[in-house]
C-alpha atoms as a PDB file:
ATOM      1  CA  MET A   1       8.160  65.507  -0.200  1.00  0.00           C
ATOM      2  CA  LYS A   2       6.231  62.517  -1.479  1.00  0.00           C
ATOM      3  CA  THR A   3       8.878  61.877  -4.146  1.00  0.00           C
ATOM      4  CA  PHE A   4      11.573  61.862  -1.460  1.00  0.00           C
ATOM      5  CA  ARG A   5       9.607  59.354   0.623  1.00  0.00           C
ATOM      6  CA  ASP A   6       9.163  57.118  -2.402  1.00  0.00           C
ATOM      7  CA  PHE A   7      12.902  57.331  -3.022  1.00  0.00           C
ATOM      8  CA  ILE A   8      13.618  56.335   0.609  1.00  0.00           C
ATOM      9  CA  ASP A   9      11.171  53.398   0.329  1.00  0.00           C
ATOM     10  CA  ILE A  10      12.896  52.158  -2.826  1.00  0.00           C
ATOM     11  CA  ILE A  11      16.316  52.381  -1.151  1.00  0.00           C
ATOM     12  CA  LEU A  12      15.051  50.433   1.869  1.00  0.00           C
ATOM     13  CA  VAL A  13      13.529  47.722  -0.343  1.00  0.00           C
ATOM     14  CA  VAL A  14      16.775  47.417  -2.319  1.00  0.00           C
ATOM     15  CA  ILE A  15      18.828  47.173   0.891  1.00  0.00           C
ATOM     16  CA  ILE A  16      16.551  44.507   2.402  1.00  0.00           C
ATOM     17  CA  LEU A  17      16.507  42.556  -0.867  1.00  0.00           C
ATOM     18  CA  GLY A  18      20.307  42.753  -1.063  1.00  0.00           C
ATOM     19  CA  ILE A  19      20.672  41.469   2.502  1.00  0.00           C
ATOM     20  CA  VAL A  20      18.331  38.537   1.787  1.00  0.00           C
ATOM     21  CA  ILE A  21      20.173  37.612  -1.441  1.00  0.00           C
ATOM     22  CA  TRP A  22      23.566  37.835   0.301  1.00  0.00           C
ATOM     23  CA  TYR A  23      22.368  35.745   3.259  1.00  0.00           C
ATOM     24  CA  VAL A  24      20.803  33.025   1.065  1.00  0.00           C
ATOM     25  CA  PHE A  25      23.311  32.748  -1.790  1.00  0.00           C
ATOM     26  CA  PHE A  26      26.634  34.267  -0.759  1.00  0.00           C
ATOM     27  CA  LYS A  27      27.050  33.974   3.016  1.00  0.00           C
ATOM     28  CA  LYS A  28      29.516  31.268   3.924  1.00  0.00           C
ATOM     29  CA  PRO A  29      28.976  29.331   7.155  1.00  0.00           C
ATOM     30  CA  ILE A  30      31.479  30.076   9.881  1.00  0.00           C
ATOM     31  CA  PRO A  31      33.695  27.012  10.308  1.00  0.00           C
ATOM     32  CA  ILE A  32      33.480  25.516  13.776  1.00  0.00           C
ATOM     33  CA  PRO A  33      36.777  23.954  14.867  1.00  0.00           C
ATOM     34  CA  SER A  34      36.416  20.362  16.024  1.00  0.00           C
ATOM     35  CA  GLN A  35      38.862  20.921  18.834  1.00  0.00           C
ATOM     36  CA  VAL A  36      41.158  23.572  20.232  1.00  0.00           C
ATOM     37  CA  GLU A  37      44.840  22.875  19.668  1.00  0.00           C
ATOM     38  CA  TYR A  38      47.287  24.102  22.282  1.00  0.00           C
ATOM     39  CA  ILE A  39      50.765  24.565  20.875  1.00  0.00           C
ATOM     40  CA  TYR A  40      53.126  23.752  23.712  1.00  0.00           C
ATOM     41  CA  VAL A  41      55.099  20.855  25.182  1.00  0.00           C
ATOM     42  CA  THR A  42      54.277  19.745  28.721  1.00  0.00           C
ATOM     43  CA  ASP A  43      57.184  20.454  31.040  1.00  0.00           C
ATOM     44  CA  THR A  44      57.751  18.664  34.357  1.00  0.00           C
ATOM     45  CA  ILE A  45      59.033  20.833  37.204  1.00  0.00           C
ATOM     46  CA  TYR A  46      60.489  19.265  40.361  1.00  0.00           C
ATOM     47  CA  LYS A  47      60.304  21.334  43.535  1.00  0.00           C
ATOM     48  CA  SER A  48      62.494  20.716  46.565  1.00  0.00           C
ATOM     49  CA  VAL A  49      59.767  21.765  49.049  1.00  0.00           C
ATOM     50  CA  PRO A  50      56.610  19.941  50.196  1.00  0.00           C
ATOM     51  CA  TYR A  51      53.260  20.951  48.774  1.00  0.00           C
ATOM     52  CA  LYS A  52      51.548  23.616  50.848  1.00  0.00           C
ATOM     53  CA  VAL A  53      47.820  24.156  50.792  1.00  0.00           C
ATOM     54  CA  LEU A  54      46.998  27.688  49.642  1.00  0.00           C
ATOM     55  CA  VAL A  55      45.405  30.157  52.026  1.00  0.00           C
ATOM     56  CA  PRO A  56      41.629  30.213  51.376  1.00  0.00           C
ATOM     57  CA  TYR A  57      39.829  33.380  50.328  1.00  0.00           C
ATOM     58  CA  GLU A  58      37.737  35.375  52.780  1.00  0.00           C
ATOM     59  CA  VAL A  59      34.202  34.659  51.527  1.00  0.00           C
ATOM     60  CA  TYR A  60      32.765  31.143  51.874  1.00  0.00           C
ATOM     61  CA  THR A  61      30.611  30.094  48.911  1.00  0.00           C
ATOM     62  CA  PRO A  62      28.156  27.242  49.591  1.00  0.00           C
ATOM     63  CA  PRO A  63      27.242  24.919  46.707  1.00  0.00           C
ATOM     64  CA  GLN A  64      23.980  25.395  44.832  1.00  0.00           C
ATOM     65  CA  TYR A  65      23.411  21.652  44.652  1.00  0.00           C
ATOM     66  CA  LEU A  66      24.725  18.677  46.638  1.00  0.00           C
ATOM     67  CA  ILE A  67      24.033  15.246  45.144  1.00  0.00           C
ATOM     68  CA  ARG A  68      24.859  11.994  46.991  1.00  0.00           C
ATOM     69  CA  TYR A  69      24.977   8.767  44.987  1.00  0.00           C
ATOM     70  CA  GLN A  70      24.171   5.206  45.996  1.00  0.00           C
ATOM     71  CA  ILE A  71      27.103   2.867  46.710  1.00  0.00           C
ATOM     72  CA  ASP A  72      27.819   0.354  43.921  1.00  0.00           C
ATOM     73  CA  SER A  73      28.110  -2.690  46.183  1.00  0.00           C
ATOM     74  CA  SER A  74      28.505  -5.158  43.281  1.00  0.00           C
ATOM     75  CA  ARG A  75      31.655  -3.428  42.104  1.00  0.00           C
ATOM     76  CA  ILE A  76      33.085  -3.131  45.602  1.00  0.00           C
ATOM     77  CA  ASP A  77      32.448  -6.828  46.385  1.00  0.00           C
ATOM     78  CA  SER A  78      34.370  -7.836  43.252  1.00  0.00           C
ATOM     79  CA  LEU A  79      37.589  -6.327  44.655  1.00  0.00           C
ATOM     80  CA  LYS A  80      39.826  -7.403  47.519  1.00  0.00           C
ATOM     81  CA  LEU A  81      42.528  -5.612  49.497  1.00  0.00           C
ATOM     82  CA  VAL A  82      45.994  -7.011  50.231  1.00  0.00           C
ATOM     83  CA  LEU A  83      48.641  -5.336  52.424  1.00  0.00           C
ATOM     84  CA  ASN A  84      52.209  -5.729  51.164  1.00  0.00           C
ATOM     85  CA  ASN A  85      54.974  -3.959  53.123  1.00  0.00           C
ATOM     86  CA  ASP A  86      54.483  -0.236  52.426  1.00  0.00           C
ATOM     87  CA  SER A  87      51.786  -0.630  49.774  1.00  0.00           C
ATOM     88  CA  LEU A  88      48.118  -1.497  49.506  1.00  0.00           C
ATOM     89  CA  ILE A  89      47.178  -3.831  46.651  1.00  0.00           C
ATOM     90  CA  ILE A  90      43.675  -3.801  45.155  1.00  0.00           C
ATOM     91  CA  GLU A  91      42.951  -6.910  43.089  1.00  0.00           C
ATOM     92  CA  GLY A  92      40.001  -7.767  40.894  1.00  0.00           C
ATOM     93  CA  LEU A  93      38.377  -7.073  37.541  1.00  0.00           C
ATOM     94  CA  LYS A  94      41.396  -8.635  35.763  1.00  0.00           C
ATOM     95  CA  SER A  95      43.677  -5.881  37.021  1.00  0.00           C
ATOM     96  CA  GLN A  96      45.854  -4.988  39.986  1.00  0.00           C
ATOM     97  CA  ILE A  97      46.472  -1.574  41.487  1.00  0.00           C
ATOM     98  CA  ILE A  98      49.320  -0.894  43.914  1.00  0.00           C
ATOM     99  CA  ILE A  99      48.875   2.166  46.151  1.00  0.00           C
ATOM    100  CA  HIS A 100      51.844   3.448  48.123  1.00  0.00           C
ATOM    101  CA  GLN A 101      51.218   4.233  51.786  1.00  0.00           C
ATOM    102  CA  ASN A 102      52.318   7.843  51.221  1.00  0.00           C
ATOM    103  CA  TYR A 103      49.272   8.266  49.000  1.00  0.00           C
ATOM    104  CA  ILE A 104      47.090   7.567  52.027  1.00  0.00           C
ATOM    105  CA  LYS A 105      49.227   9.315  54.651  1.00  0.00           C
ATOM    106  CA  GLN A 106      49.472  12.635  52.771  1.00  0.00           C
ATOM    107  CA  PHE A 107      46.205  14.542  53.245  1.00  0.00           C
ATOM    108  CA  PRO A 108      44.352  11.397  54.400  1.00  0.00           C
ATOM    109  CA  GLU A 109      41.033  13.233  54.800  1.00  0.00           C
ATOM    110  CA  ASN A 110      41.034  14.705  51.283  1.00  0.00           C
ATOM    111  CA  PRO A 111      38.508  13.107  48.913  1.00  0.00           C
ATOM    112  CA  LYS A 112      39.341  11.526  45.599  1.00  0.00           C
ATOM    113  CA  LEU A 113      38.384  13.708  42.619  1.00  0.00           C
ATOM    114  CA  LEU A 114      36.278  11.682  40.186  1.00  0.00           C
ATOM    115  CA  ASN A 115      35.047  14.306  37.763  1.00  0.00           C
ATOM    116  CA  LEU A 116      35.263  18.060  37.159  1.00  0.00           C
ATOM    117  CA  ASN A 117      32.958  20.089  34.895  1.00  0.00           C
ATOM    118  CA  LEU A 118      33.824  23.731  34.292  1.00  0.00           C
ATOM    119  CA  PHE A 119      31.485  26.066  32.417  1.00  0.00           C
ATOM    120  CA  ARG A 120      31.447  29.831  31.960  1.00  0.00           C
ATOM    121  CA  ASP A 121      28.990  30.277  34.839  1.00  0.00           C
ATOM    122  CA  SER A 122      29.334  27.161  37.010  1.00  0.00           C
ATOM    123  CA  LEU A 123      31.708  24.543  38.403  1.00  0.00           C
ATOM    124  CA  SER A 124      30.825  21.019  39.537  1.00  0.00           C
ATOM    125  CA  LEU A 125      33.048  18.535  41.369  1.00  0.00           C
ATOM    126  CA  ALA A 126      32.294  14.835  41.866  1.00  0.00           C
ATOM    127  CA  THR A 127      34.359  13.438  44.744  1.00  0.00           C
ATOM    128  CA  LEU A 128      34.703  10.257  46.780  1.00  0.00           C
ATOM    129  CA  PRO A 129      35.336  11.221  50.436  1.00  0.00           C
ATOM    130  CA  ILE A 130      36.571   8.838  53.128  1.00  0.00           C
ATOM    131  CA  SER A 131      32.938   8.077  54.014  1.00  0.00           C
ATOM    132  CA  GLY A 132      32.776   6.019  50.807  1.00  0.00           C
ATOM    133  CA  ILE A 133      29.672   7.827  49.484  1.00  0.00           C
ATOM    134  CA  ILE A 134      30.192   9.604  46.157  1.00  0.00           C
ATOM    135  CA  GLN A 135      28.828  13.133  46.069  1.00  0.00           C
ATOM    136  CA  GLU A 136      28.696  15.934  43.522  1.00  0.00           C
ATOM    137  CA  GLU A 137      28.670  19.665  44.316  1.00  0.00           C
ATOM    138  CA  LYS A 138      27.864  22.516  41.962  1.00  0.00           C
ATOM    139  CA  TRP A 139      28.714  26.206  42.456  1.00  0.00           C
ATOM    140  CA  PRO A 140      27.797  29.329  40.458  1.00  0.00           C
ATOM    141  CA  LEU A 141      30.749  31.241  38.975  1.00  0.00           C
ATOM    142  CA  ASP A 142      31.328  34.838  37.967  1.00  0.00           C
ATOM    143  CA  LEU A 143      34.953  35.066  36.873  1.00  0.00           C
ATOM    144  CA  ASN A 144      34.561  38.754  36.025  1.00  0.00           C
ATOM    145  CA  LEU A 145      33.907  39.638  39.656  1.00  0.00           C
ATOM    146  CA  TYR A 146      35.619  36.940  41.743  1.00  0.00           C
ATOM    147  CA  SER A 147      38.603  34.609  42.051  1.00  0.00           C
ATOM    148  CA  TYR A 148      37.925  31.197  43.598  1.00  0.00           C
ATOM    149  CA  ASN A 149      39.736  28.616  45.698  1.00  0.00           C
ATOM    150  CA  TRP A 150      38.815  25.156  47.007  1.00  0.00           C
ATOM    151  CA  ASP A 151      40.308  23.042  49.778  1.00  0.00           C
ATOM    152  CA  LEU A 152      38.921  20.414  52.135  1.00  0.00           C
ATOM    153  CA  SER A 153      39.013  22.395  55.384  1.00  0.00           C
ATOM    154  CA  THR A 154      37.296  25.582  54.188  1.00  0.00           C
ATOM    155  CA  GLY A 155      35.429  24.402  51.089  1.00  0.00           C
ATOM    156  CA  PHE A 156      34.820  26.758  48.153  1.00  0.00           C
ATOM    157  CA  THR A 157      35.843  30.358  48.846  1.00  0.00           C
ATOM    158  CA  ARG A 158      36.031  33.523  46.764  1.00  0.00           C
ATOM    159  CA  LYS A 159      37.407  37.071  46.762  1.00  0.00           C
ATOM    160  CA  ASN A 160      36.767  40.166  44.685  1.00  0.00           C
ATOM    161  CA  ASN A 161      39.004  40.585  41.661  1.00  0.00           C
ATOM    162  CA  THR A 162      41.376  43.492  42.186  1.00  0.00           C
ATOM    163  CA  SER A 163      42.386  43.830  38.535  1.00  0.00           C
ATOM    164  CA  LEU A 164      40.373  43.969  35.359  1.00  0.00           C
ATOM    165  CA  SER A 165      39.789  40.684  33.597  1.00  0.00           C
ATOM    166  CA  PRO A 166      40.138  40.442  29.776  1.00  0.00           C
ATOM    167  CA  THR A 167      36.348  40.802  29.422  1.00  0.00           C
ATOM    168  CA  GLU A 168      36.424  44.024  31.436  1.00  0.00           C
ATOM    169  CA  GLU A 169      39.191  45.746  29.513  1.00  0.00           C
ATOM    170  CA  GLY A 170      36.582  47.301  27.247  1.00  0.00           C
ATOM    171  CA  SER A 171      34.757  49.011  30.133  1.00  0.00           C
ATOM    172  CA  LYS A 172      36.012  52.488  29.150  1.00  0.00           C
ATOM    173  CA  ILE A 173      33.589  55.139  27.954  1.00  0.00           C
ATOM    174  CA  GLN A 174      32.661  54.465  24.319  1.00  0.00           C
ATOM    175  CA  TYR A 175      31.231  56.922  21.780  1.00  0.00           C
ATOM    176  CA  TYR A 176      29.177  56.144  18.663  1.00  0.00           C
ATOM    177  CA  VAL A 177      27.796  58.302  15.843  1.00  0.00           C
ATOM    178  CA  GLY A 178      25.667  57.214  12.922  1.00  0.00           C
ATOM    179  CA  GLY A 179      22.395  57.636  11.137  1.00  0.00           C
ATOM    180  CA  GLY A 180      19.428  55.819   9.685  1.00  0.00           C
ATOM    181  CA  VAL A 181      15.787  56.062   8.713  1.00  0.00           C
ATOM    182  CA  ASP A 182      12.841  56.117  11.131  1.00  0.00           C
ATOM    183  CA  LEU A 183      10.318  53.758   9.471  1.00  0.00           C
ATOM    184  CA  LEU A 184       7.371  55.041  11.529  1.00  0.00           C
ATOM    185  CA  TRP A 185       7.908  58.678  10.553  1.00  0.00           C
ATOM    186  CA  LEU A 186       9.680  57.928   7.258  1.00  0.00           C
ATOM    187  CA  SER A 187      12.345  60.425   8.247  1.00  0.00           C
ATOM    188  CA  PRO A 188      16.142  60.136   8.140  1.00  0.00           C
ATOM    189  CA  TYR A 189      17.977  60.929  11.361  1.00  0.00           C
ATOM    190  CA  LEU A 190      21.428  61.413  12.837  1.00  0.00           C
ATOM    191  CA  SER A 191      22.309  59.508  16.016  1.00  0.00           C
ATOM    192  CA  GLY A 192      24.884  59.648  18.772  1.00  0.00           C
ATOM    193  CA  ARG A 193      25.447  57.307  21.708  1.00  0.00           C
ATOM    194  CA  ILE A 194      27.700  57.222  24.752  1.00  0.00           C
ATOM    195  CA  GLU A 195      27.994  54.253  27.112  1.00  0.00           C
ATOM    196  CA  LYS A 196      30.120  52.769  29.855  1.00  0.00           C
ATOM    197  CA  GLU A 197      29.944  49.123  30.874  1.00  0.00           C
ATOM    198  CA  TRP A 198      31.176  47.270  33.948  1.00  0.00           C
ATOM    199  CA  ALA A 199      30.908  43.548  34.709  1.00  0.00           C
ATOM    200  CA  ARG A 200      27.086  43.571  34.880  1.00  0.00           C
ATOM    201  CA  VAL A 201      26.081  47.219  34.727  1.00  0.00           C
ATOM    202  CA  ARG A 202      25.796  49.416  31.619  1.00  0.00           C
ATOM    203  CA  ILE A 203      25.077  53.163  31.683  1.00  0.00           C
ATOM    204  CA  TYR A 204      24.131  54.760  28.368  1.00  0.00           C
ATOM    205  CA  GLY A 205      22.800  57.873  26.661  1.00  0.00           C
ATOM    206  CA  ASN A 206      21.191  57.986  23.197  1.00  0.00           C
ATOM    207  CA  ALA A 207      20.263  60.978  21.044  1.00  0.00           C
ATOM    208  CA  ASN A 208      18.463  60.838  17.668  1.00  0.00           C
ATOM    209  CA  VAL A 209      17.838  64.025  15.677  1.00  0.00           C
ATOM    210  CA  GLY A 210      15.185  63.799  12.957  1.00  0.00           C
ATOM    211  CA  LEU A 211      16.186  65.627   9.769  1.00  0.00           C
ATOM    212  CA  LEU A 212      12.680  65.967   8.281  1.00  0.00           C
ATOM    213  CA  ARG A 213      10.432  65.620  11.342  1.00  0.00           C
ATOM    214  CA  LYS A 214      11.333  67.003  14.721  1.00  0.00           C
ATOM    215  CA  GLU A 215       8.753  64.646  16.264  1.00  0.00           C
ATOM    216  CA  SER A 216      11.048  61.707  15.542  1.00  0.00           C
ATOM    217  CA  SER A 217      13.870  63.187  17.638  1.00  0.00           C
ATOM    218  CA  LYS A 218      14.522  61.696  21.067  1.00  0.00           C
ATOM    219  CA  ILE A 219      17.045  61.770  23.906  1.00  0.00           C
ATOM    220  CA  GLU A 220      17.442  58.802  26.280  1.00  0.00           C
ATOM    221  CA  ILE A 221      19.498  58.254  29.434  1.00  0.00           C
ATOM    222  CA  GLY A 222      19.351  54.921  31.223  1.00  0.00           C
ATOM    223  CA  GLY A 223      21.068  51.951  32.778  1.00  0.00           C
ATOM    224  CA  GLU A 224      20.877  48.174  32.514  1.00  0.00           C
ATOM    225  CA  TYR A 225      21.816  45.272  34.793  1.00  0.00           C
ATOM    226  CA  LYS A 226      22.767  41.929  33.261  1.00  0.00           C
ATOM    227  CA  LEU A 227      20.938  38.956  34.788  1.00  0.00           C
ATOM    228  CA  ASN A 228      22.416  35.478  34.987  1.00  0.00           C
ATOM    229  CA  ALA A 229      21.019  33.032  32.447  1.00  0.00           C
ATOM    230  CA  LYS A 230      19.369  29.911  33.866  1.00  0.00           C
ATOM    231  CA  ASP A 231      20.300  26.403  32.787  1.00  0.00           C
ATOM    232  CA  ARG A 232      17.714  24.729  30.609  1.00  0.00           C
ATOM    233  CA  LYS A 233      17.510  20.975  31.059  1.00  0.00           C
END
């Protein structure tokens, strides 16, 4: 028995030493692409019907944060407005911008979008409403569970996803078999595992059977809930 344990210890040392040598001398760093290239040509589609605002979803989602910024009066004072027939001319800063009246008449209450930041778990919009005070709103996102919509009248709304997203396609029951060595008992074992995972919930069952020591055998049944990670700033 002692000879077998010594043999197992030698194998473990060789495996660990091999992993260290491979990691230090032979592992190649994974290349990180500088940018994602989309292979397509932008196509312009002309529709013979006016734009119609989409119907909002049923659940209103308030923003997590609402930031209002101070007005940059020095920049505003450097510009002047001139009305010319059906256009509004903004002059200043060595440039001239001509705005057609239809730009103002169509959805006159809608704010101007200044910036959009989209992450895996959040969305932030910086807008300039007709009040003239720039504000930024930030919402939490869970694209596995919900679809989202934004418009001026109803704000940010969501609905439950009715179909599986690409990240949920692997939520079928999965089976695993394998083996290893219990370092506490110095005993090899056979293992089996079954699990099923949804968007945030995972149900699993594990069974390890010790080949030399029955004390190292165990059977586990449990579940886990995935918590949202917090931003670190």
